[in-house]
Amino acid sequence: MIKNIIIQQREERDFLLSLPYIQRFQEKGLASYLQSSLIKLITGPRRAGKSVMALQMLKEYHFAYLNFDDELLLKHFSKLSVDIV
């Protein structure tokens, strides 16, 4: 079940990467942040473009994409946490 959800979300990621977006930042400036092994955190208000910015920054890299707004994924992880406890 989780494998199917991940495959579905990979297809969603690929679709989102194929969409045309307005470039709102300098790619060269942000690319330097990706050279560090530190964890990156993008913050901001809802619907401000954080996910789009992350997708644009990572489009040249191989990366995982998990959308935790997906009901199926949330249900699966909620079930796992109950089973573990």
N, C-alpha and C. Protein backbone atom coordinates (compact mmCIF):
# COMPACT_ATOMS: atom_id res chain seq x y z
N MET A 1 0.83 -1.20 0.00
CA MET A 1 0.00 0.00 0.00
C MET A 1 0.87 1.26 0.00
N ILE A 2 1.87 1.31 0.89
CA ILE A 2 2.72 2.50 0.98
C ILE A 2 3.52 2.67 -0.31
N LYS A 3 3.90 1.56 -0.94
CA LYS A 3 4.63 1.64 -2.20
C LYS A 3 3.79 2.33 -3.27
N ASN A 4 2.52 2.01 -3.34
CA ASN A 4 1.62 2.64 -4.32
C ASN A 4 1.46 4.14 -4.04
N ILE A 5 1.40 4.51 -2.78
CA ILE A 5 1.27 5.92 -2.41
C ILE A 5 2.53 6.68 -2.83
N ILE A 6 3.70 6.08 -2.60
CA ILE A 6 4.96 6.73 -2.97
C ILE A 6 5.07 6.86 -4.49
N ILE A 7 4.66 5.83 -5.22
CA ILE A 7 4.67 5.91 -6.68
C ILE A 7 3.74 7.01 -7.17
N GLN A 8 2.56 7.09 -6.58
CA GLN A 8 1.59 8.14 -6.94
C GLN A 8 2.18 9.52 -6.66
N GLN A 9 2.84 9.68 -5.53
CA GLN A 9 3.42 10.97 -5.18
C GLN A 9 4.62 11.31 -6.07
N ARG A 10 5.36 10.30 -6.52
CA ARG A 10 6.45 10.56 -7.47
C ARG A 10 5.88 11.09 -8.79
N GLU A 11 4.75 10.53 -9.21
CA GLU A 11 4.09 11.02 -10.42
C GLU A 11 3.61 12.46 -10.22
N GLU A 12 3.10 12.75 -9.02
CA GLU A 12 2.68 14.12 -8.70
C GLU A 12 3.88 15.07 -8.75
N ARG A 13 5.00 14.65 -8.19
CA ARG A 13 6.22 15.46 -8.21
C ARG A 13 6.66 15.74 -9.64
N ASP A 14 6.66 14.70 -10.47
CA ASP A 14 7.08 14.88 -11.87
C ASP A 14 6.14 15.81 -12.62
N PHE A 15 4.85 15.71 -12.33
CA PHE A 15 3.88 16.62 -12.95
C PHE A 15 4.13 18.06 -12.50
N LEU A 16 4.33 18.26 -11.21
CA LEU A 16 4.59 19.60 -10.70
C LEU A 16 5.87 20.19 -11.29
N LEU A 17 6.88 19.36 -11.48
CA LEU A 17 8.13 19.84 -12.06
C LEU A 17 7.97 20.21 -13.54
N SER A 18 6.97 19.64 -14.20
CA SER A 18 6.77 19.92 -15.63
C SER A 18 5.99 21.22 -15.87
N LEU A 19 5.38 21.77 -14.82
CA LEU A 19 4.58 22.98 -14.98
C LEU A 19 5.46 24.21 -15.13
N PRO A 20 4.98 25.19 -15.90
CA PRO A 20 5.76 26.44 -16.01
C PRO A 20 5.50 27.32 -14.78
N TYR A 21 6.56 27.79 -14.17
CA TYR A 21 6.45 28.66 -13.00
C TYR A 21 7.17 29.97 -13.27
N ILE A 22 6.72 31.00 -12.63
CA ILE A 22 7.41 32.29 -12.68
C ILE A 22 8.61 32.19 -11.75
N GLN A 23 9.78 32.47 -12.27
CA GLN A 23 10.99 32.41 -11.47
C GLN A 23 11.01 33.61 -10.52
N ARG A 24 11.01 33.37 -9.23
CA ARG A 24 10.92 34.45 -8.25
C ARG A 24 12.19 34.60 -7.41
N PHE A 25 13.23 33.89 -7.75
CA PHE A 25 14.48 33.98 -6.99
C PHE A 25 15.64 33.70 -7.92
N GLN A 26 16.82 34.04 -7.47
CA GLN A 26 18.04 33.78 -8.23
C GLN A 26 18.49 32.35 -7.94
N GLU A 27 18.43 31.50 -8.94
CA GLU A 27 18.79 30.10 -8.74
C GLU A 27 20.23 29.94 -8.27
N LYS A 28 21.13 30.74 -8.79
CA LYS A 28 22.54 30.60 -8.41
C LYS A 28 22.74 30.89 -6.93
N GLY A 29 22.04 31.87 -6.40
CA GLY A 29 22.17 32.21 -4.98
C GLY A 29 21.66 31.11 -4.08
N LEU A 30 20.52 30.53 -4.44
CA LEU A 30 19.95 29.48 -3.61
C LEU A 30 20.68 28.16 -3.79
N ALA A 31 21.25 27.93 -4.94
CA ALA A 31 21.96 26.67 -5.20
C ALA A 31 23.13 26.51 -4.24
N SER A 32 23.73 27.61 -3.81
CA SER A 32 24.86 27.51 -2.88
C SER A 32 24.42 26.92 -1.54
N TYR A 33 23.17 27.12 -1.16
CA TYR A 33 22.67 26.53 0.09
C TYR A 33 22.65 25.01 0.02
N LEU A 34 22.46 24.48 -1.17
CA LEU A 34 22.36 23.02 -1.31
C LEU A 34 23.71 22.33 -1.20
N GLN A 35 24.80 23.07 -1.22
CA GLN A 35 26.14 22.48 -1.13
C GLN A 35 26.46 22.03 0.29
N SER A 36 25.76 22.58 1.27
CA SER A 36 25.98 22.23 2.67
C SER A 36 25.19 20.97 3.02
N SER A 37 25.71 20.17 3.94
CA SER A 37 24.99 18.97 4.38
C SER A 37 23.98 19.26 5.50
N LEU A 38 23.88 20.53 5.89
CA LEU A 38 22.93 20.90 6.93
C LEU A 38 21.49 20.74 6.43
N ILE A 39 20.58 20.50 7.34
CA ILE A 39 19.16 20.40 7.00
C ILE A 39 18.65 21.77 6.59
N LYS A 40 17.85 21.81 5.55
CA LYS A 40 17.28 23.08 5.07
C LYS A 40 15.83 23.18 5.51
N LEU A 41 15.41 24.38 5.85
CA LEU A 41 14.05 24.62 6.28
C LEU A 41 13.54 25.87 5.57
N ILE A 42 12.43 25.72 4.88
CA ILE A 42 11.80 26.86 4.20
C ILE A 42 10.54 27.19 4.98
N THR A 43 10.44 28.40 5.49
CA THR A 43 9.27 28.79 6.26
C THR A 43 8.55 29.95 5.58
N GLY A 44 7.29 30.09 5.92
CA GLY A 44 6.51 31.19 5.38
C GLY A 44 5.03 30.90 5.56
N PRO A 45 4.20 31.87 5.23
CA PRO A 45 2.75 31.67 5.37
C PRO A 45 2.22 30.66 4.36
N ARG A 46 1.02 30.17 4.63
CA ARG A 46 0.37 29.22 3.72
C ARG A 46 0.25 29.84 2.33
N ARG A 47 0.41 28.99 1.32
CA ARG A 47 0.19 29.36 -0.08
C ARG A 47 1.15 30.46 -0.56
N ALA A 48 2.32 30.54 0.06
CA ALA A 48 3.30 31.57 -0.32
C ALA A 48 4.28 31.07 -1.38
N GLY A 49 4.28 29.77 -1.67
CA GLY A 49 5.16 29.23 -2.69
C GLY A 49 6.35 28.46 -2.15
N LYS A 50 6.30 28.02 -0.90
CA LYS A 50 7.42 27.29 -0.31
C LYS A 50 7.70 25.98 -1.06
N SER A 51 6.65 25.23 -1.35
CA SER A 51 6.82 23.94 -2.05
C SER A 51 7.33 24.15 -3.46
N VAL A 52 6.80 25.15 -4.15
CA VAL A 52 7.25 25.44 -5.51
C VAL A 52 8.72 25.85 -5.49
N MET A 53 9.10 26.66 -4.52
CA MET A 53 10.49 27.08 -4.40
C MET A 53 11.40 25.86 -4.18
N ALA A 54 10.98 24.96 -3.32
CA ALA A 54 11.78 23.76 -3.06
C ALA A 54 11.88 22.91 -4.33
N LEU A 55 10.77 22.74 -5.04
CA LEU A 55 10.81 21.97 -6.29
C LEU A 55 11.74 22.60 -7.30
N GLN A 56 11.69 23.92 -7.41
CA GLN A 56 12.56 24.61 -8.37
C GLN A 56 14.03 24.46 -7.97
N MET A 57 14.32 24.54 -6.70
CA MET A 57 15.70 24.40 -6.24
C MET A 57 16.25 23.01 -6.49
N LEU A 58 15.39 22.00 -6.37
CA LEU A 58 15.84 20.61 -6.43
C LEU A 58 15.65 19.95 -7.79
N LYS A 59 15.12 20.68 -8.77
CA LYS A 59 14.74 20.05 -10.04
C LYS A 59 15.91 19.38 -10.75
N GLU A 60 17.14 19.80 -10.51
CA GLU A 60 18.31 19.19 -11.15
C GLU A 60 18.89 18.03 -10.33
N TYR A 61 18.29 17.73 -9.20
CA TYR A 61 18.79 16.69 -8.30
C TYR A 61 17.81 15.52 -8.24
N HIS A 62 18.31 14.39 -7.81
CA HIS A 62 17.46 13.24 -7.54
C HIS A 62 16.99 13.39 -6.09
N PHE A 63 15.69 13.52 -5.88
CA PHE A 63 15.20 13.74 -4.52
C PHE A 63 13.86 13.05 -4.30
N ALA A 64 13.57 12.79 -3.05
CA ALA A 64 12.29 12.19 -2.66
C ALA A 64 11.28 13.29 -2.43
N TYR A 65 10.02 12.97 -2.69
CA TYR A 65 8.94 13.94 -2.50
C TYR A 65 7.81 13.22 -1.78
N LEU A 66 7.46 13.70 -0.60
CA LEU A 66 6.31 13.18 0.13
C LEU A 66 5.41 14.34 0.51
N ASN A 67 4.16 14.23 0.11
CA ASN A 67 3.17 15.26 0.41
C ASN A 67 2.33 14.77 1.58
N PHE A 68 2.56 15.31 2.75
CA PHE A 68 1.83 14.85 3.94
C PHE A 68 0.44 15.44 4.05
N ASP A 69 0.01 16.18 3.02
CA ASP A 69 -1.38 16.59 2.93
C ASP A 69 -2.23 15.50 2.28
N ASP A 70 -1.58 14.46 1.78
CA ASP A 70 -2.26 13.34 1.15
C ASP A 70 -2.94 12.49 2.22
N GLU A 71 -4.25 12.37 2.12
CA GLU A 71 -5.03 11.62 3.13
C GLU A 71 -4.57 10.17 3.26
N LEU A 72 -4.27 9.52 2.13
CA LEU A 72 -3.85 8.12 2.18
C LEU A 72 -2.54 7.96 2.94
N LEU A 73 -1.62 8.85 2.70
CA LEU A 73 -0.33 8.80 3.39
C LEU A 73 -0.50 9.07 4.88
N LEU A 74 -1.30 10.06 5.22
CA LEU A 74 -1.55 10.37 6.64
C LEU A 74 -2.20 9.21 7.36
N LYS A 75 -3.18 8.59 6.72
CA LYS A 75 -3.85 7.44 7.35
C LYS A 75 -2.87 6.30 7.59
N HIS A 76 -1.98 6.07 6.62
CA HIS A 76 -1.02 4.98 6.76
C HIS A 76 -0.05 5.26 7.91
N PHE A 77 0.46 6.48 8.01
CA PHE A 77 1.39 6.81 9.08
C PHE A 77 0.69 6.87 10.43
N SER A 78 -0.57 7.29 10.46
CA SER A 78 -1.32 7.29 11.72
C SER A 78 -1.49 5.85 12.21
N LYS A 79 -1.78 4.95 11.29
CA LYS A 79 -1.94 3.54 11.64
C LYS A 79 -0.63 2.96 12.14
N LEU A 80 0.49 3.32 11.50
CA LEU A 80 1.80 2.84 11.93
C LEU A 80 2.13 3.30 13.34
N SER A 81 1.86 4.56 13.65
CA SER A 81 2.22 5.08 14.97
C SER A 81 1.38 4.42 16.06
N VAL A 82 0.13 4.08 15.76
CA VAL A 82 -0.71 3.39 16.75
C VAL A 82 -0.20 1.98 16.95
N ASP A 83 0.20 1.30 15.85
CA ASP A 83 0.68 -0.07 15.96
C ASP A 83 2.00 -0.15 16.73
N ILE A 84 2.84 0.86 16.60
CA ILE A 84 4.15 0.86 17.26
C ILE A 84 4.01 1.06 18.77
N VAL A 85 3.09 1.92 19.17
CA VAL A 85 2.91 2.24 20.57
C VAL A 85 2.29 1.08 21.26
